[in-house]
Amino acid sequence: MNKAETFAGALVVAIGVAILFGSMKFPYLLDGVPGPGFLPRWIAIGLIGIGLVLTAQGIRARLVQQGAIPWPSAGGWARVGLMLGALAVSLVLLEWLGFLLTTTLFMAVVVFGLGVRSWRMLVSIPLLAAIGLYVVFAVWLRVPLPKGILSFLE
């Protein structure tokens, strides 16, 4: 595990450095406001920082004897599979069902996979989250999102 953490940290640092160099091709500021290089540069700096921390933890852990980390149980792998399957299905159904329905169903499956069994929570959290995401992206930022079978609501 320690070698894996060290390698993963170094890989994250390398990706961050590559993004940082790529972001240098774009202006950081345009007319006093953040330009197209602003966000990628800060994301790259964050990735480099996180990668350095992960690498340091991996190196430090090698110096200290620790017990083996157990693998997840079969139930844990089933939850991971459920969430990955829900993601794959939602990507396939996004254009047909639309953003609101697909996101609500996807989040309901994820919340169920995390162990929530209350119907009130399984309905309210995904619905409110999907509406919130829709308001932020479609209304506030004006990102065109697929309407799917709800296209009559325009």
N, C-alpha and C. Protein backbone atom coordinates (compact mmCIF):
# COMPACT_ATOMS: atom_id res chain seq x y z
N MET A 1 0.82 -1.19 0.00
CA MET A 1 0.00 0.00 0.00
C MET A 1 0.87 1.25 0.00
N ASN A 2 1.99 1.22 0.69
CA ASN A 2 2.83 2.40 0.77
C ASN A 2 3.44 2.74 -0.59
N LYS A 3 3.85 1.70 -1.32
CA LYS A 3 4.38 1.95 -2.66
C LYS A 3 3.28 2.50 -3.57
N ALA A 4 2.07 1.98 -3.41
CA ALA A 4 0.96 2.46 -4.23
C ALA A 4 0.65 3.91 -3.91
N GLU A 5 0.66 4.29 -2.64
CA GLU A 5 0.41 5.69 -2.27
C GLU A 5 1.50 6.60 -2.82
N THR A 6 2.74 6.16 -2.71
CA THR A 6 3.86 6.96 -3.22
C THR A 6 3.74 7.12 -4.73
N PHE A 7 3.45 6.04 -5.43
CA PHE A 7 3.31 6.09 -6.88
C PHE A 7 2.11 6.96 -7.28
N ALA A 8 0.98 6.78 -6.59
CA ALA A 8 -0.21 7.58 -6.91
C ALA A 8 0.06 9.05 -6.67
N GLY A 9 0.74 9.37 -5.58
CA GLY A 9 1.07 10.77 -5.29
C GLY A 9 1.97 11.36 -6.37
N ALA A 10 2.98 10.59 -6.78
CA ALA A 10 3.87 11.07 -7.83
C ALA A 10 3.12 11.24 -9.15
N LEU A 11 2.18 10.34 -9.43
CA LEU A 11 1.38 10.45 -10.65
C LEU A 11 0.50 11.70 -10.61
N VAL A 12 -0.10 11.98 -9.46
CA VAL A 12 -0.94 13.18 -9.32
C VAL A 12 -0.09 14.43 -9.48
N VAL A 13 1.12 14.43 -8.93
CA VAL A 13 2.03 15.57 -9.10
C VAL A 13 2.37 15.75 -10.58
N ALA A 14 2.67 14.65 -11.28
CA ALA A 14 3.00 14.73 -12.70
C ALA A 14 1.83 15.28 -13.52
N ILE A 15 0.63 14.82 -13.22
CA ILE A 15 -0.55 15.33 -13.92
C ILE A 15 -0.73 16.82 -13.62
N GLY A 16 -0.55 17.20 -12.36
CA GLY A 16 -0.66 18.61 -11.99
C GLY A 16 0.35 19.48 -12.72
N VAL A 17 1.58 18.98 -12.82
CA VAL A 17 2.63 19.74 -13.53
C VAL A 17 2.28 19.86 -15.00
N ALA A 18 1.77 18.79 -15.60
CA ALA A 18 1.38 18.84 -17.01
C ALA A 18 0.25 19.84 -17.23
N ILE A 19 -0.73 19.85 -16.35
CA ILE A 19 -1.83 20.81 -16.46
C ILE A 19 -1.32 22.23 -16.25
N LEU A 20 -0.39 22.40 -15.31
CA LEU A 20 0.17 23.73 -15.06
C LEU A 20 0.89 24.26 -16.29
N PHE A 21 1.71 23.42 -16.92
CA PHE A 21 2.39 23.87 -18.13
C PHE A 21 1.41 24.13 -19.26
N GLY A 22 0.37 23.30 -19.37
CA GLY A 22 -0.64 23.53 -20.39
C GLY A 22 -1.42 24.81 -20.15
N SER A 23 -1.67 25.13 -18.88
CA SER A 23 -2.44 26.34 -18.57
C SER A 23 -1.64 27.61 -18.80
N MET A 24 -0.32 27.49 -18.87
CA MET A 24 0.52 28.67 -19.11
C MET A 24 0.34 29.22 -20.52
N LYS A 25 -0.26 28.43 -21.42
CA LYS A 25 -0.49 28.87 -22.79
C LYS A 25 -1.66 29.86 -22.87
N PHE A 26 -2.48 29.90 -21.83
CA PHE A 26 -3.66 30.75 -21.81
C PHE A 26 -3.44 31.93 -20.87
N PRO A 27 -4.03 33.07 -21.19
CA PRO A 27 -3.85 34.23 -20.31
C PRO A 27 -4.52 34.01 -18.95
N TYR A 28 -3.82 34.43 -17.90
CA TYR A 28 -4.32 34.30 -16.54
C TYR A 28 -5.44 35.31 -16.28
N LEU A 29 -5.25 36.53 -16.75
CA LEU A 29 -6.26 37.58 -16.61
C LEU A 29 -6.53 38.21 -17.97
N LEU A 30 -7.78 38.58 -18.20
CA LEU A 30 -8.18 39.33 -19.39
C LEU A 30 -8.96 40.55 -18.93
N ASP A 31 -8.45 41.71 -19.19
CA ASP A 31 -9.12 42.95 -18.81
C ASP A 31 -9.48 42.98 -17.33
N GLY A 32 -8.59 42.47 -16.51
CA GLY A 32 -8.80 42.52 -15.07
C GLY A 32 -9.71 41.45 -14.50
N VAL A 33 -10.20 40.54 -15.32
CA VAL A 33 -11.04 39.44 -14.83
C VAL A 33 -10.33 38.12 -15.14
N PRO A 34 -10.67 37.06 -14.42
CA PRO A 34 -10.02 35.79 -14.67
C PRO A 34 -10.19 35.33 -16.12
N GLY A 35 -9.08 34.95 -16.72
CA GLY A 35 -9.10 34.49 -18.10
C GLY A 35 -9.18 32.97 -18.17
N PRO A 36 -8.98 32.42 -19.38
CA PRO A 36 -9.10 30.97 -19.56
C PRO A 36 -8.01 30.16 -18.87
N GLY A 37 -6.93 30.79 -18.44
CA GLY A 37 -5.87 30.08 -17.74
C GLY A 37 -6.00 30.12 -16.23
N PHE A 38 -6.97 30.87 -15.73
CA PHE A 38 -7.10 31.07 -14.28
C PHE A 38 -7.44 29.77 -13.56
N LEU A 39 -8.57 29.16 -13.92
CA LEU A 39 -9.03 27.96 -13.21
C LEU A 39 -8.09 26.77 -13.41
N PRO A 40 -7.63 26.48 -14.64
CA PRO A 40 -6.71 25.35 -14.79
C PRO A 40 -5.42 25.52 -13.97
N ARG A 41 -4.94 26.75 -13.86
CA ARG A 41 -3.72 26.98 -13.10
C ARG A 41 -3.94 26.67 -11.62
N TRP A 42 -5.06 27.10 -11.06
CA TRP A 42 -5.32 26.83 -9.65
C TRP A 42 -5.64 25.36 -9.40
N ILE A 43 -6.30 24.73 -10.33
CA ILE A 43 -6.53 23.29 -10.20
C ILE A 43 -5.20 22.54 -10.22
N ALA A 44 -4.31 22.93 -11.12
CA ALA A 44 -2.99 22.29 -11.20
C ALA A 44 -2.21 22.48 -9.91
N ILE A 45 -2.26 23.68 -9.35
CA ILE A 45 -1.56 23.94 -8.08
C ILE A 45 -2.14 23.06 -6.97
N GLY A 46 -3.46 22.92 -6.95
CA GLY A 46 -4.09 22.05 -5.96
C GLY A 46 -3.70 20.59 -6.14
N LEU A 47 -3.66 20.13 -7.40
CA LEU A 47 -3.26 18.75 -7.67
C LEU A 47 -1.81 18.50 -7.24
N ILE A 48 -0.95 19.45 -7.53
CA ILE A 48 0.46 19.30 -7.14
C ILE A 48 0.57 19.22 -5.62
N GLY A 49 -0.15 20.09 -4.91
CA GLY A 49 -0.12 20.08 -3.45
C GLY A 49 -0.64 18.77 -2.88
N ILE A 50 -1.77 18.31 -3.38
CA ILE A 50 -2.35 17.05 -2.89
C ILE A 50 -1.43 15.88 -3.22
N GLY A 51 -0.84 15.89 -4.41
CA GLY A 51 0.08 14.83 -4.79
C GLY A 51 1.31 14.80 -3.92
N LEU A 52 1.83 15.97 -3.56
CA LEU A 52 2.99 16.02 -2.67
C LEU A 52 2.65 15.48 -1.29
N VAL A 53 1.48 15.83 -0.79
CA VAL A 53 1.05 15.31 0.52
C VAL A 53 0.91 13.80 0.47
N LEU A 54 0.28 13.28 -0.57
CA LEU A 54 0.10 11.83 -0.71
C LEU A 54 1.44 11.13 -0.84
N THR A 55 2.36 11.69 -1.60
CA THR A 55 3.70 11.10 -1.74
C THR A 55 4.42 11.09 -0.40
N ALA A 56 4.36 12.20 0.32
CA ALA A 56 5.01 12.28 1.64
C ALA A 56 4.42 11.27 2.60
N GLN A 57 3.11 11.09 2.58
CA GLN A 57 2.48 10.10 3.45
C GLN A 57 2.91 8.69 3.08
N GLY A 58 3.04 8.43 1.80
CA GLY A 58 3.50 7.11 1.37
C GLY A 58 4.93 6.83 1.78
N ILE A 59 5.78 7.83 1.67
CA ILE A 59 7.18 7.66 2.07
C ILE A 59 7.27 7.53 3.59
N ARG A 60 6.54 8.35 4.31
CA ARG A 60 6.58 8.32 5.78
C ARG A 60 6.04 7.00 6.30
N ALA A 61 4.99 6.47 5.66
CA ALA A 61 4.40 5.22 6.11
C ALA A 61 5.37 4.06 5.94
N ARG A 62 6.27 4.14 4.97
CA ARG A 62 7.26 3.07 4.79
C ARG A 62 8.24 3.03 5.95
N LEU A 63 8.46 4.18 6.57
CA LEU A 63 9.40 4.25 7.67
C LEU A 63 8.82 3.72 8.97
N VAL A 64 7.47 3.67 9.06
CA VAL A 64 6.79 3.21 10.26
C VAL A 64 6.09 1.90 9.93
N GLN A 65 6.28 0.88 10.77
CA GLN A 65 5.63 -0.40 10.56
C GLN A 65 4.14 -0.29 10.83
N GLN A 66 3.34 -0.74 9.88
CA GLN A 66 1.89 -0.71 10.04
C GLN A 66 1.32 -2.06 9.65
N GLY A 67 0.12 -2.34 10.17
CA GLY A 67 -0.56 -3.57 9.81
C GLY A 67 -1.13 -3.49 8.41
N ALA A 68 -1.47 -4.62 7.87
CA ALA A 68 -2.05 -4.66 6.53
C ALA A 68 -3.46 -4.06 6.55
N ILE A 69 -3.79 -3.39 5.49
CA ILE A 69 -5.11 -2.80 5.34
C ILE A 69 -6.02 -3.85 4.70
N PRO A 70 -7.14 -4.17 5.35
CA PRO A 70 -8.00 -5.22 4.79
C PRO A 70 -8.74 -4.74 3.55
N TRP A 71 -9.01 -5.68 2.65
CA TRP A 71 -9.79 -5.38 1.46
C TRP A 71 -11.25 -5.19 1.85
N PRO A 72 -12.00 -4.42 1.07
CA PRO A 72 -13.43 -4.27 1.37
C PRO A 72 -14.15 -5.62 1.29
N SER A 73 -15.24 -5.72 2.02
CA SER A 73 -16.04 -6.93 2.00
C SER A 73 -16.80 -7.03 0.68
N ALA A 74 -17.48 -8.14 0.50
CA ALA A 74 -18.27 -8.32 -0.72
C ALA A 74 -19.37 -7.26 -0.83
N GLY A 75 -19.95 -6.88 0.32
CA GLY A 75 -20.97 -5.83 0.32
C GLY A 75 -20.41 -4.49 -0.14
N GLY A 76 -19.18 -4.21 0.25
CA GLY A 76 -18.54 -2.96 -0.19
C GLY A 76 -18.32 -2.94 -1.70
N TRP A 77 -17.86 -4.07 -2.24
CA TRP A 77 -17.66 -4.16 -3.69
C TRP A 77 -19.00 -4.08 -4.42
N ALA A 78 -20.04 -4.64 -3.81
CA ALA A 78 -21.37 -4.57 -4.43
C ALA A 78 -21.85 -3.12 -4.50
N ARG A 79 -21.59 -2.33 -3.44
CA ARG A 79 -21.98 -0.92 -3.46
C ARG A 79 -21.21 -0.15 -4.53
N VAL A 80 -19.92 -0.44 -4.66
CA VAL A 80 -19.12 0.21 -5.70
C VAL A 80 -19.66 -0.15 -7.07
N GLY A 81 -19.97 -1.43 -7.28
CA GLY A 81 -20.53 -1.86 -8.56
C GLY A 81 -21.88 -1.23 -8.84
N LEU A 82 -22.71 -1.10 -7.80
CA LEU A 82 -24.02 -0.46 -7.96
C LEU A 82 -23.86 0.99 -8.42
N MET A 83 -22.94 1.70 -7.81
CA MET A 83 -22.75 3.11 -8.16
C MET A 83 -22.14 3.26 -9.55
N LEU A 84 -21.18 2.43 -9.90
CA LEU A 84 -20.60 2.49 -11.25
C LEU A 84 -21.63 2.10 -12.31
N GLY A 85 -22.44 1.10 -12.00
CA GLY A 85 -23.50 0.71 -12.93
C GLY A 85 -24.52 1.82 -13.10
N ALA A 86 -24.88 2.48 -11.99
CA ALA A 86 -25.83 3.60 -12.07
C ALA A 86 -25.24 4.73 -12.91
N LEU A 87 -23.95 4.97 -12.77
CA LEU A 87 -23.31 6.02 -13.58
C LEU A 87 -23.36 5.66 -15.06
N ALA A 88 -23.06 4.42 -15.39
CA ALA A 88 -23.08 3.99 -16.80
C ALA A 88 -24.49 4.09 -17.38
N VAL A 89 -25.48 3.64 -16.63
CA VAL A 89 -26.87 3.71 -17.10
C VAL A 89 -27.31 5.15 -17.26
N SER A 90 -26.92 6.01 -16.31
CA SER A 90 -27.33 7.41 -16.40
C SER A 90 -26.70 8.10 -17.61
N LEU A 91 -25.47 7.73 -17.95
CA LEU A 91 -24.85 8.31 -19.13
C LEU A 91 -25.58 7.89 -20.40
N VAL A 92 -26.07 6.66 -20.43
CA VAL A 92 -26.81 6.18 -21.60
C VAL A 92 -28.17 6.86 -21.70
N LEU A 93 -28.82 7.06 -20.57
CA LEU A 93 -30.20 7.59 -20.57
C LEU A 93 -30.28 9.11 -20.52
N LEU A 94 -29.16 9.80 -20.41
CA LEU A 94 -29.17 11.26 -20.20
C LEU A 94 -29.91 12.01 -21.30
N GLU A 95 -29.63 11.71 -22.55
CA GLU A 95 -30.28 12.43 -23.64
C GLU A 95 -31.77 12.11 -23.72
N TRP A 96 -32.14 10.89 -23.46
CA TRP A 96 -33.54 10.47 -23.59
C TRP A 96 -34.38 10.95 -22.41
N LEU A 97 -33.92 10.73 -21.19
CA LEU A 97 -34.70 11.14 -20.02
C LEU A 97 -34.52 12.62 -19.67
N GLY A 98 -33.38 13.17 -20.01
CA GLY A 98 -33.10 14.55 -19.66
C GLY A 98 -32.31 14.65 -18.36
N PHE A 99 -31.76 15.83 -18.13
CA PHE A 99 -30.88 16.04 -16.99
C PHE A 99 -31.59 15.85 -15.66
N LEU A 100 -32.76 16.46 -15.50
CA LEU A 100 -33.44 16.42 -14.21
C LEU A 100 -33.81 15.00 -13.79
N LEU A 101 -34.44 14.26 -14.66
CA LEU A 101 -34.85 12.89 -14.31
C LEU A 101 -33.65 11.97 -14.11
N THR A 102 -32.68 12.06 -15.02
CA THR A 102 -31.52 11.18 -14.93
C THR A 102 -30.72 11.46 -13.66
N THR A 103 -30.50 12.73 -13.36
CA THR A 103 -29.74 13.08 -12.17
C THR A 103 -30.49 12.67 -10.90
N THR A 104 -31.79 12.85 -10.89
CA THR A 104 -32.58 12.44 -9.72
C THR A 104 -32.49 10.94 -9.51
N LEU A 105 -32.65 10.16 -10.57
CA LEU A 105 -32.57 8.70 -10.44
C LEU A 105 -31.17 8.24 -10.06
N PHE A 106 -30.17 8.84 -10.69
CA PHE A 106 -28.78 8.48 -10.37
C PHE A 106 -28.47 8.76 -8.90
N MET A 107 -28.84 9.93 -8.44
CA MET A 107 -28.55 10.28 -7.05
C MET A 107 -29.35 9.42 -6.07
N ALA A 108 -30.55 9.01 -6.45
CA ALA A 108 -31.33 8.12 -5.59
C ALA A 108 -30.62 6.77 -5.44
N VAL A 109 -30.07 6.25 -6.54
CA VAL A 109 -29.34 4.99 -6.47
C VAL A 109 -28.08 5.15 -5.62
N VAL A 110 -27.37 6.28 -5.77
CA VAL A 110 -26.16 6.51 -4.98
C VAL A 110 -26.50 6.62 -3.50
N VAL A 111 -27.54 7.38 -3.17
CA VAL A 111 -27.94 7.53 -1.77
C VAL A 111 -28.35 6.17 -1.20
N PHE A 112 -29.06 5.36 -1.99
CA PHE A 112 -29.43 4.01 -1.57
C PHE A 112 -28.17 3.16 -1.37
N GLY A 113 -27.21 3.29 -2.28
CA GLY A 113 -25.96 2.54 -2.17
C GLY A 113 -25.14 2.93 -0.96
N LEU A 114 -25.31 4.15 -0.50
CA LEU A 114 -24.60 4.60 0.70
C LEU A 114 -25.27 4.12 1.98
N GLY A 115 -26.42 3.47 1.84
CA GLY A 115 -27.05 2.86 3.00
C GLY A 115 -28.30 3.54 3.51
N VAL A 116 -28.75 4.59 2.86
CA VAL A 116 -29.96 5.27 3.31
C VAL A 116 -31.17 4.45 2.87
N ARG A 117 -32.09 4.17 3.79
CA ARG A 117 -33.26 3.37 3.46
C ARG A 117 -34.57 4.11 3.71
N SER A 118 -34.51 5.33 4.18
CA SER A 118 -35.71 6.12 4.42
C SER A 118 -36.25 6.64 3.09
N TRP A 119 -37.54 6.36 2.81
CA TRP A 119 -38.13 6.82 1.56
C TRP A 119 -38.13 8.33 1.46
N ARG A 120 -38.33 9.00 2.58
CA ARG A 120 -38.32 10.47 2.58
C ARG A 120 -36.96 10.99 2.12
N MET A 121 -35.89 10.38 2.60
CA MET A 121 -34.54 10.80 2.20
C MET A 121 -34.22 10.37 0.77
N LEU A 122 -34.69 9.18 0.38
CA LEU A 122 -34.41 8.69 -0.97
C LEU A 122 -35.13 9.49 -2.05
N VAL A 123 -36.17 10.21 -1.68
CA VAL A 123 -36.89 11.04 -2.65
C VAL A 123 -36.43 12.49 -2.54
N SER A 124 -36.33 13.02 -1.33
CA SER A 124 -36.07 14.45 -1.17
C SER A 124 -34.64 14.85 -1.51
N ILE A 125 -33.64 14.12 -1.04
CA ILE A 125 -32.25 14.51 -1.30
C ILE A 125 -31.94 14.51 -2.79
N PRO A 126 -32.20 13.42 -3.53
CA PRO A 126 -31.90 13.45 -4.97
C PRO A 126 -32.69 14.51 -5.73
N LEU A 127 -33.96 14.68 -5.39
CA LEU A 127 -34.78 15.66 -6.10
C LEU A 127 -34.28 17.08 -5.85
N LEU A 128 -34.02 17.42 -4.59
CA LEU A 128 -33.52 18.76 -4.27
C LEU A 128 -32.14 19.00 -4.86
N ALA A 129 -31.28 17.99 -4.83
CA ALA A 129 -29.94 18.13 -5.41
C ALA A 129 -30.02 18.33 -6.92
N ALA A 130 -30.87 17.56 -7.60
CA ALA A 130 -31.00 17.70 -9.05
C ALA A 130 -31.56 19.07 -9.42
N ILE A 131 -32.55 19.53 -8.67
CA ILE A 131 -33.11 20.87 -8.94
C ILE A 131 -32.06 21.93 -8.68
N GLY A 132 -31.30 21.78 -7.60
CA GLY A 132 -30.23 22.73 -7.30
C GLY A 132 -29.18 22.77 -8.39
N LEU A 133 -28.75 21.60 -8.87
CA LEU A 133 -27.77 21.55 -9.95
C LEU A 133 -28.34 22.16 -11.23
N TYR A 134 -29.61 21.90 -11.50
CA TYR A 134 -30.24 22.47 -12.69
C TYR A 134 -30.27 24.00 -12.61
N VAL A 135 -30.63 24.52 -11.45
CA VAL A 135 -30.69 25.97 -11.28
C VAL A 135 -29.31 26.59 -11.48
N VAL A 136 -28.29 25.97 -10.88
CA VAL A 136 -26.94 26.52 -11.00
C VAL A 136 -26.47 26.49 -12.46
N PHE A 137 -26.59 25.33 -13.11
CA PHE A 137 -26.01 25.21 -14.44
C PHE A 137 -26.91 25.73 -15.56
N ALA A 138 -28.18 25.40 -15.55
CA ALA A 138 -29.06 25.79 -16.66
C ALA A 138 -29.55 27.22 -16.53
N VAL A 139 -29.87 27.65 -15.32
CA VAL A 139 -30.44 28.98 -15.13
C VAL A 139 -29.35 30.01 -14.91
N TRP A 140 -28.53 29.78 -13.90
CA TRP A 140 -27.54 30.79 -13.52
C TRP A 140 -26.39 30.87 -14.52
N LEU A 141 -25.78 29.72 -14.87
CA LEU A 141 -24.63 29.72 -15.79
C LEU A 141 -25.04 29.56 -17.25
N ARG A 142 -26.32 29.29 -17.51
CA ARG A 142 -26.87 29.15 -18.86
C ARG A 142 -26.16 28.07 -19.68
N VAL A 143 -25.88 26.95 -19.03
CA VAL A 143 -25.31 25.80 -19.72
C VAL A 143 -26.47 25.00 -20.30
N PRO A 144 -26.45 24.71 -21.59
CA PRO A 144 -27.56 23.92 -22.16
C PRO A 144 -27.49 22.47 -21.67
N LEU A 145 -28.54 22.05 -21.00
CA LEU A 145 -28.62 20.68 -20.49
C LEU A 145 -29.72 19.95 -21.24
N PRO A 146 -29.56 18.63 -21.43
CA PRO A 146 -30.59 17.88 -22.15
C PRO A 146 -31.92 17.88 -21.38
N LYS A 147 -33.00 18.16 -22.10
CA LYS A 147 -34.33 18.20 -21.49
C LYS A 147 -35.05 16.85 -21.56
N GLY A 148 -34.70 16.04 -22.56
CA GLY A 148 -35.26 14.71 -22.69
C GLY A 148 -36.78 14.73 -22.83
N ILE A 149 -37.43 13.83 -22.13
CA ILE A 149 -38.89 13.69 -22.24
C ILE A 149 -39.62 14.85 -21.56
N LEU A 150 -38.89 15.70 -20.85
CA LEU A 150 -39.51 16.87 -20.23
C LEU A 150 -39.37 18.12 -21.09
N SER A 151 -39.08 17.94 -22.39
CA SER A 151 -38.87 19.09 -23.27
C SER A 151 -40.13 19.91 -23.46
N PHE A 152 -41.29 19.36 -23.15
CA PHE A 152 -42.55 20.11 -23.28
C PHE A 152 -42.66 21.21 -22.22
N LEU A 153 -41.79 21.21 -21.22
CA LEU A 153 -41.84 22.22 -20.16
C LEU A 153 -41.22 23.56 -20.54
N GLU A 154 -40.68 23.67 -21.72
CA GLU A 154 -39.99 24.91 -22.13
C GLU A 154 -40.91 26.07 -22.18
